[in-house]
Amino acid sequence: MGRQLGLFSFHDEAPGAPFFHPRGAKVYNRMIDYSRHMQQHDYQEIKTPLILNESLWKRTGHYDNFRDNMFFTSTEKVNYCVRPMNCPGAALLYGEQPHSYKELPMRLSEYGLDHRCELSGVLHGLFRVRAFTQDDAHIFCTPAQIADEIKNIIKLALVVYKKFGFEKVLFALSTRPEKSIGSDAQWQAAEKDLHDVLTSMGLVYKLQPREGAFYGPKIEMKIEDAMGREWQCGTAQIDFNLPERFELEYVDADQSRKRPVIVHRVIFGSVERFFGIVLESVKGHLPFWVAPIQMRILTITDDQQEYATTLLGNLNKSGYRVEVDKSGDQISAKIRRAQVEKIPWMLVLGKKEQENQTITLRTVDGKQQFGLTLEVLLEMAQKINSFE
């Protein structure tokens, strides 16, 4: 569908790295715009480097535990790693200056481009790639704030998934693995926090013993698509590791210095992968609000071209993604092409519409509404184009 709908493609020159075409980039950017909108009041967005010194990854533990999945480069006899994840950059930013308990929780979000060296045999469309963007966030908080932060993450995830049509969300709680860091007390408290949040929200979850990360327990969120398939997307992970390795601190109310806890959070997981999940779930019929081309203007004869141009300008000024079919084809062929390309709205203009300055709206499912004014059309569009 990516190639058929002109959304994305892959090339041998960059295996596992999607090329987003103009239409695909519109969908991709719209997804991120929505994500930004949903966290605009609670998160501060940051941007950290793609390539960092190899010593940093040895410090974090990724070099020892994740090296086979990392890309490397060097310059001036210094070795660097192409980041497979964004968390070290956020930790470096936090550690630049002292922090008070009054600043916590500090929620830093980042749409970070990451690279992982996946074997060529497992690469699969947008679902398994080497280059991807995580809708990441790292929340620096006190132990007492963990439960509320996890609850807010789950609430956000449920709203986001519903917006894309995913009503069924499955939860899992992954607990301490055999190899781990942190004290027994830390793990017990963190696992209890996660359990209490899930039960207090009335969420049934699957227990996954010993499947947590070595640095802390986590909640996993799986969505079910229209075909009944389950996809792992969101996670909320508690981290005792990075605060220790980076010697991160905050000054508590009694003036003592304490370690913050980091909560790692993604909602989409990988923007590319979530794009693919949505695309397959709706069989290419992307919702109006995220569709790359929301409306296409179809003229019955060339006499309506001037009216079409005026209408195009008005709709573009209103912020909609619209184009005109300028081909000389019959109207039936224009409609058929728009249906194949899964354009949500077709605006049909004939002699009658031109004389009355109205529009015939034909939706992709074949339903029609006649005699609509531009004002009425815009009111209809506004209701389904909002992020709310």
Protein backbone atom coordinates (compact mmCIF):
# COMPACT_ATOMS: atom_id res chain seq x y z
CA MET A 1 0.00 0.00 0.00
CA GLY A 2 2.88 2.35 0.65
CA ARG A 3 3.89 2.29 -2.99
CA GLN A 4 0.34 2.06 -4.35
CA LEU A 5 -0.80 5.14 -2.40
CA GLY A 6 2.44 7.05 -2.95
CA LEU A 7 3.30 7.12 0.76
CA PHE A 8 6.70 5.48 1.18
CA SER A 9 9.19 3.16 -0.45
CA PHE A 10 12.44 1.31 0.26
CA HIS A 11 15.70 1.26 -1.67
CA ASP A 12 18.69 -1.08 -1.64
CA GLU A 13 20.97 1.89 -0.99
CA ALA A 14 19.51 2.14 2.55
CA PRO A 15 18.12 -1.25 3.64
CA GLY A 16 15.48 -0.99 6.34
CA ALA A 17 15.25 2.80 6.09
CA PRO A 18 11.93 4.09 4.68
CA PHE A 19 11.81 6.91 2.13
CA PHE A 20 8.67 8.95 2.81
CA HIS A 21 7.18 10.50 -0.31
CA PRO A 22 5.39 13.90 -0.11
CA ARG A 23 2.09 12.25 0.77
CA GLY A 24 3.67 9.91 3.29
CA ALA A 25 5.54 12.79 4.90
CA LYS A 26 2.22 14.60 5.37
CA VAL A 27 0.81 11.63 7.28
CA TYR A 28 4.03 11.22 9.27
CA ASN A 29 4.12 14.90 10.23
CA ARG A 30 0.42 14.96 11.04
CA MET A 31 0.91 12.05 13.45
CA ILE A 32 3.72 13.90 15.21
CA ASP A 33 1.71 17.15 15.24
CA TYR A 34 -1.09 15.29 17.00
CA SER A 35 1.33 13.76 19.49
CA ARG A 36 2.80 17.20 20.22
CA HIS A 37 -0.69 18.64 20.66
CA MET A 38 -1.62 15.96 23.19
CA GLN A 39 1.38 16.66 25.42
CA GLN A 40 1.93 20.36 24.82
CA HIS A 41 1.05 21.41 28.37
CA ASP A 42 2.77 18.62 30.29
CA TYR A 43 6.06 17.97 28.44
CA GLN A 44 9.05 20.01 27.37
CA GLU A 45 10.42 18.96 24.00
CA ILE A 46 14.16 18.53 23.52
CA LYS A 47 16.45 17.59 20.64
CA THR A 48 19.65 15.62 21.23
CA PRO A 49 22.43 14.41 18.88
CA LEU A 50 22.18 11.36 16.66
CA ILE A 51 25.86 10.40 17.05
CA LEU A 52 27.55 10.30 20.46
CA ASN A 53 30.95 9.23 21.70
CA GLU A 54 31.46 5.51 22.25
CA SER A 55 32.46 6.15 25.87
CA LEU A 56 28.93 7.33 26.64
CA TRP A 57 27.44 4.00 25.57
CA LYS A 58 29.99 2.14 27.68
CA ARG A 59 28.93 4.28 30.61
CA THR A 60 25.24 3.51 30.13
CA GLY A 61 25.79 -0.22 29.71
CA HIS A 62 24.43 -0.32 26.17
CA TYR A 63 27.87 -1.07 24.71
CA ASP A 64 28.10 -4.31 26.68
CA ASN A 65 24.46 -5.34 26.35
CA PHE A 66 23.34 -3.95 22.98
CA ARG A 67 26.51 -3.63 20.91
CA ASP A 68 25.49 -6.15 18.24
CA ASN A 69 22.48 -3.99 17.37
CA MET A 70 24.40 -0.72 17.06
CA PHE A 71 26.02 1.15 14.19
CA PHE A 72 29.47 2.69 14.66
CA THR A 73 31.49 5.41 13.00
CA SER A 74 34.75 7.21 13.68
CA THR A 75 36.49 10.45 12.88
CA GLU A 76 39.89 11.82 13.91
CA LYS A 77 40.62 8.45 15.54
CA VAL A 78 37.66 8.85 17.91
CA ASN A 79 34.93 6.20 17.93
CA TYR A 80 31.27 7.14 17.97
CA CYS A 81 27.97 5.26 18.07
CA VAL A 82 24.84 6.05 16.09
CA ARG A 83 22.24 6.07 18.82
CA PRO A 84 19.83 3.14 19.05
CA MET A 85 17.76 5.00 21.67
CA ASN A 86 17.38 8.51 23.06
CA CYS A 87 17.65 8.12 26.85
CA PRO A 88 21.38 8.98 27.34
CA GLY A 89 20.88 12.38 25.71
CA ALA A 90 18.03 13.22 28.07
CA ALA A 91 20.11 12.11 31.06
CA LEU A 92 23.01 14.33 29.96
CA LEU A 93 20.67 17.32 29.71
CA TYR A 94 19.20 16.72 33.16
CA GLY A 95 22.68 16.37 34.67
CA GLU A 96 23.92 19.72 33.36
CA GLN A 97 22.67 21.66 36.39
CA PRO A 98 21.33 21.15 39.94
CA HIS A 99 17.62 20.50 40.40
CA SER A 100 15.22 20.94 43.27
CA TYR A 101 12.43 18.56 44.20
CA LYS A 102 10.12 21.45 43.28
CA GLU A 103 11.09 21.00 39.59
CA LEU A 104 9.99 17.37 39.59
CA PRO A 105 8.45 15.67 37.79
CA MET A 106 10.45 16.95 34.82
CA ARG A 107 9.02 15.51 31.61
CA LEU A 108 11.32 15.74 28.59
CA SER A 109 9.93 14.55 25.26
CA GLU A 110 11.85 13.90 22.07
CA TYR A 111 11.01 12.67 18.58
CA GLY A 112 14.37 11.04 18.15
CA LEU A 113 15.65 9.33 15.03
CA ASP A 114 17.31 6.07 16.06
CA HIS A 115 19.17 3.32 14.21
CA ARG A 116 19.46 -0.35 15.08
CA CYS A 117 21.40 -2.96 13.18
CA GLU A 118 18.62 -5.44 12.45
CA LEU A 119 19.57 -8.47 10.35
CA SER A 120 18.50 -8.12 6.72
CA GLY A 121 16.43 -11.30 6.92
CA VAL A 122 14.04 -9.86 9.53
CA LEU A 123 13.42 -6.47 7.88
CA HIS A 124 9.73 -6.16 7.04
CA GLY A 125 8.17 -3.00 5.61
CA LEU A 126 7.50 -0.36 8.26
CA PHE A 127 7.13 -3.04 10.92
CA ARG A 128 10.82 -3.95 11.23
CA VAL A 129 13.25 -1.27 10.13
CA ARG A 130 16.75 -0.05 10.90
CA ALA A 131 15.93 3.66 11.00
CA PHE A 132 12.93 4.84 12.99
CA THR A 133 11.65 7.70 15.14
CA GLN A 134 10.53 7.11 18.70
CA ASP A 135 7.90 9.37 20.29
CA ASP A 136 9.99 9.23 23.39
CA ALA A 137 9.78 10.89 26.78
CA HIS A 138 11.89 10.64 29.90
CA ILE A 139 10.27 11.67 33.15
CA PHE A 140 12.59 12.53 36.03
CA CYS A 141 10.64 12.17 39.25
CA THR A 142 10.76 11.17 42.90
CA PRO A 143 9.80 7.62 43.94
CA ALA A 144 6.58 9.00 45.41
CA GLN A 145 5.60 10.46 42.03
CA ILE A 146 5.98 7.25 40.02
CA ALA A 147 2.37 6.05 40.39
CA ASP A 148 0.79 9.31 39.24
CA GLU A 149 3.16 9.55 36.28
CA ILE A 150 2.37 6.01 35.15
CA LYS A 151 -1.34 6.70 35.48
CA ASN A 152 -1.04 9.82 33.32
CA ILE A 153 0.92 7.88 30.69
CA ILE A 154 -1.79 5.22 30.47
CA LYS A 155 -4.54 7.85 30.21
CA LEU A 156 -2.66 9.58 27.40
CA ALA A 157 -2.07 6.31 25.55
CA LEU A 158 -5.74 5.31 25.70
CA VAL A 159 -6.82 8.66 24.21
CA VAL A 160 -4.21 8.48 21.45
CA TYR A 161 -5.05 4.90 20.48
CA LYS A 162 -8.78 5.68 20.39
CA LYS A 163 -8.15 8.63 18.06
CA PHE A 164 -6.63 6.19 15.57
CA GLY A 165 -9.51 3.76 15.96
CA PHE A 166 -7.97 1.30 18.43
CA GLU A 167 -10.50 0.68 21.18
CA LYS A 168 -9.05 -2.54 22.60
CA VAL A 169 -5.82 -2.16 24.54
CA LEU A 170 -4.15 -5.04 26.38
CA PHE A 171 -1.77 -4.54 29.30
CA ALA A 172 1.12 -6.55 30.70
CA LEU A 173 3.33 -6.05 33.75
CA SER A 174 6.93 -7.25 33.38
CA THR A 175 8.80 -7.86 36.62
CA ARG A 176 12.42 -8.19 37.78
CA PRO A 177 14.64 -10.40 35.60
CA GLU A 178 17.44 -12.56 36.94
CA LYS A 179 20.08 -10.03 35.91
CA SER A 180 19.17 -6.63 37.29
CA ILE A 181 20.43 -3.63 39.22
CA GLY A 182 18.79 -1.79 42.11
CA SER A 183 17.83 -2.90 45.58
CA ASP A 184 15.10 -5.36 46.51
CA ALA A 185 13.22 -2.49 48.16
CA GLN A 186 13.34 -0.41 44.99
CA TRP A 187 12.03 -3.22 42.83
CA GLN A 188 9.30 -4.21 45.23
CA ALA A 189 8.07 -0.64 45.56
CA ALA A 190 8.18 -0.01 41.81
CA GLU A 191 6.38 -3.24 40.93
CA LYS A 192 3.74 -2.48 43.56
CA ASP A 193 3.28 1.01 42.10
CA LEU A 194 2.67 -0.44 38.64
CA HIS A 195 0.30 -3.09 39.97
CA ASP A 196 -1.64 -0.53 42.04
CA VAL A 197 -2.00 1.84 39.07
CA LEU A 198 -3.37 -0.88 36.79
CA THR A 199 -5.82 -2.20 39.38
CA SER A 200 -6.96 1.27 40.50
CA MET A 201 -7.79 2.09 36.87
CA GLY A 202 -9.74 -1.15 36.54
CA LEU A 203 -7.35 -2.53 33.93
CA VAL A 204 -6.87 -6.26 33.61
CA TYR A 205 -3.26 -7.16 32.90
CA LYS A 206 -1.08 -10.15 32.15
CA LEU A 207 1.81 -10.77 34.52
CA GLN A 208 5.12 -11.41 32.75
CA PRO A 209 7.52 -12.66 35.44
CA ARG A 210 11.21 -11.86 34.94
CA GLU A 211 10.60 -10.01 31.66
CA GLY A 212 11.34 -6.53 32.90
CA ALA A 213 14.40 -4.58 31.79
CA PHE A 214 17.58 -5.04 33.81
CA TYR A 215 17.12 -1.48 35.09
CA GLY A 216 13.48 -1.68 36.23
CA PRO A 217 9.95 -3.10 35.76
CA LYS A 218 7.63 -1.96 32.99
CA ILE A 219 4.08 -1.85 31.70
CA GLU A 220 3.51 -2.85 28.09
CA MET A 221 0.51 -1.74 26.04
CA LYS A 222 -0.72 -3.74 23.07
CA ILE A 223 -3.40 -2.60 20.62
CA GLU A 224 -5.70 -4.78 18.58
CA ASP A 225 -6.31 -3.75 14.98
CA ALA A 226 -9.39 -4.20 12.80
CA MET A 227 -8.18 -7.65 11.78
CA GLY A 228 -7.82 -8.85 15.37
CA ARG A 229 -4.02 -8.73 15.36
CA GLU A 230 -2.17 -7.56 18.47
CA TRP A 231 0.68 -5.06 18.25
CA GLN A 232 3.10 -4.04 20.97
CA CYS A 233 3.24 -0.22 20.99
CA GLY A 234 3.40 1.74 24.22
CA THR A 235 5.60 1.12 27.23
CA ALA A 236 6.20 2.78 30.58
CA GLN A 237 9.50 1.65 32.12
CA ILE A 238 10.98 2.52 35.49
CA ASP A 239 14.76 3.04 35.44
CA PHE A 240 17.10 2.89 38.43
CA ASN A 241 20.18 2.46 36.19
CA LEU A 242 20.77 5.76 34.39
CA PRO A 243 20.33 7.95 37.50
CA GLU A 244 23.09 5.90 39.18
CA ARG A 245 25.43 5.78 36.19
CA PHE A 246 25.07 9.50 35.49
CA GLU A 247 25.03 10.38 39.21
CA LEU A 248 21.82 12.36 38.75
CA GLU A 249 20.48 14.18 41.80
CA TYR A 250 17.84 16.52 43.10
CA VAL A 251 17.79 18.49 46.35
CA ASP A 252 14.93 17.36 48.56
CA ALA A 253 12.90 19.48 50.98
CA ASP A 254 15.32 18.65 53.82
CA GLN A 255 18.25 19.81 51.64
CA SER A 256 19.54 16.24 51.23
CA ARG A 257 20.66 15.06 47.81
CA LYS A 258 18.71 12.17 46.35
CA ARG A 259 18.55 10.15 43.14
CA PRO A 260 15.58 10.75 40.86
CA VAL A 261 13.88 7.86 39.13
CA ILE A 262 13.54 7.93 35.34
CA VAL A 263 10.32 6.74 33.71
CA HIS A 264 10.86 5.94 30.02
CA ARG A 265 7.72 6.34 27.96
CA VAL A 266 6.58 5.80 24.38
CA ILE A 267 3.01 5.85 23.05
CA PHE A 268 3.37 5.08 19.33
CA GLY A 269 6.59 3.22 20.05
CA SER A 270 8.06 3.72 16.60
CA VAL A 271 6.27 6.36 14.50
CA GLU A 272 7.04 4.35 11.37
CA ARG A 273 5.70 1.11 12.80
CA PHE A 274 2.56 2.76 14.15
CA PHE A 275 2.04 4.33 10.71
CA GLY A 276 2.14 0.83 9.21
CA ILE A 277 -0.22 -0.59 11.83
CA VAL A 278 -2.78 2.15 11.21
CA LEU A 279 -2.45 1.85 7.43
CA GLU A 280 -3.09 -1.89 7.43
CA SER A 281 -5.84 -1.72 10.04
CA VAL A 282 -7.90 0.73 7.94
CA LYS A 283 -6.81 -0.94 4.67
CA GLY A 284 -5.41 2.33 3.37
CA HIS A 285 -8.50 4.41 4.18
CA LEU A 286 -6.80 6.83 6.52
CA PRO A 287 -9.12 8.99 8.66
CA PHE A 288 -9.93 12.42 7.24
CA TRP A 289 -7.90 14.29 9.87
CA VAL A 290 -4.65 12.44 9.05
CA ALA A 291 -5.16 11.66 5.33
CA PRO A 292 -2.41 13.10 3.07
CA ILE A 293 -4.97 14.46 0.60
CA GLN A 294 -8.24 15.18 2.36
CA MET A 295 -10.21 16.44 -0.62
CA ARG A 296 -9.90 16.29 -4.38
CA ILE A 297 -11.83 18.64 -6.61
CA LEU A 298 -13.30 16.95 -9.69
CA THR A 299 -14.70 19.04 -12.56
CA ILE A 300 -17.18 17.57 -14.99
CA THR A 301 -15.99 19.81 -17.86
CA ASP A 302 -13.18 22.32 -18.38
CA ASP A 303 -15.72 25.11 -17.94
CA GLN A 304 -15.54 24.58 -14.16
CA GLN A 305 -11.76 24.98 -13.91
CA GLU A 306 -11.89 28.61 -12.81
CA TYR A 307 -14.43 27.78 -10.09
CA ALA A 308 -12.24 24.84 -9.04
CA THR A 309 -9.19 27.08 -8.72
CA THR A 310 -11.12 29.56 -6.55
CA LEU A 311 -12.45 26.74 -4.37
CA LEU A 312 -8.95 25.26 -4.05
CA GLY A 313 -7.59 28.57 -2.82
CA ASN A 314 -10.32 28.97 -0.20
CA LEU A 315 -9.86 25.45 1.13
CA ASN A 316 -6.07 25.76 1.25
CA LYS A 317 -6.40 29.03 3.18
CA SER A 318 -8.55 27.16 5.69
CA GLY A 319 -5.71 24.70 6.25
CA TYR A 320 -6.99 21.65 4.38
CA ARG A 321 -4.92 19.38 2.14
CA VAL A 322 -6.66 19.67 -1.22
CA GLU A 323 -5.83 19.18 -4.89
CA VAL A 324 -7.59 19.46 -8.24
CA ASP A 325 -7.78 16.63 -10.76
CA LYS A 326 -6.70 18.53 -13.89
CA SER A 327 -6.86 15.55 -16.22
CA GLY A 328 -9.14 15.55 -19.24
CA ASP A 329 -10.77 12.27 -18.19
CA GLN A 330 -14.48 11.68 -17.84
CA ILE A 331 -15.92 12.35 -14.38
CA SER A 332 -16.46 8.63 -13.83
CA ALA A 333 -12.74 7.99 -14.37
CA LYS A 334 -11.82 10.83 -12.01
CA ILE A 335 -14.08 9.39 -9.31
CA ARG A 336 -12.69 5.91 -9.80
CA ARG A 337 -9.11 7.19 -9.53
CA ALA A 338 -9.90 9.08 -6.32
CA GLN A 339 -11.49 5.97 -4.86
CA VAL A 340 -8.47 3.83 -5.72
CA GLU A 341 -6.22 6.45 -4.11
CA LYS A 342 -8.55 6.43 -1.08
CA ILE A 343 -9.22 10.18 -1.04
CA PRO A 344 -11.80 10.74 1.75
CA TRP A 345 -13.78 13.54 0.06
CA MET A 346 -14.42 14.21 -3.62
CA LEU A 347 -15.82 17.64 -4.46
CA VAL A 348 -17.71 17.36 -7.74
CA LEU A 349 -18.27 20.55 -9.74
CA GLY A 350 -20.55 20.69 -12.76
CA LYS A 351 -22.55 23.36 -14.55
CA LYS A 352 -25.23 23.46 -11.83
CA GLU A 353 -22.69 23.76 -9.01
CA GLN A 354 -20.84 26.49 -10.89
CA GLU A 355 -24.01 28.54 -11.45
CA ASN A 356 -25.18 28.20 -7.83
CA GLN A 357 -21.68 28.38 -6.27
CA THR A 358 -22.30 25.09 -4.50
CA ILE A 359 -20.52 21.75 -4.19
CA THR A 360 -21.55 18.12 -4.49
CA LEU A 361 -19.72 16.10 -1.87
CA ARG A 362 -19.00 12.47 -2.66
CA THR A 363 -17.28 10.45 0.08
CA VAL A 364 -15.04 7.49 -0.61
CA ASP A 365 -17.83 5.08 0.37
CA GLY A 366 -20.00 6.41 -2.50
CA LYS A 367 -22.43 8.53 -0.48
CA GLN A 368 -23.31 11.96 -1.90
CA GLN A 369 -24.61 15.28 -0.58
CA PHE A 370 -25.77 17.90 -3.04
CA GLY A 371 -25.96 21.68 -2.99
CA LEU A 372 -23.48 22.35 -0.21
CA THR A 373 -22.12 25.85 0.20
CA LEU A 374 -18.45 26.40 1.01
CA GLU A 375 -19.42 27.51 4.51
CA VAL A 376 -21.39 24.32 5.19
CA LEU A 377 -18.57 22.18 3.77
CA LEU A 378 -16.03 23.87 6.04
CA GLU A 379 -18.26 23.33 9.08
CA MET A 380 -18.52 19.63 8.22
CA ALA A 381 -14.77 19.33 7.71
CA GLN A 382 -13.91 21.14 10.92
CA LYS A 383 -15.83 18.59 12.99
CA ILE A 384 -13.71 15.68 11.76
CA ASN A 385 -10.38 17.46 11.29
CA SER A 386 -9.80 18.44 14.90
CA PHE A 387 -7.20 16.86 17.17
CA GLU A 388 -9.80 16.72 19.93
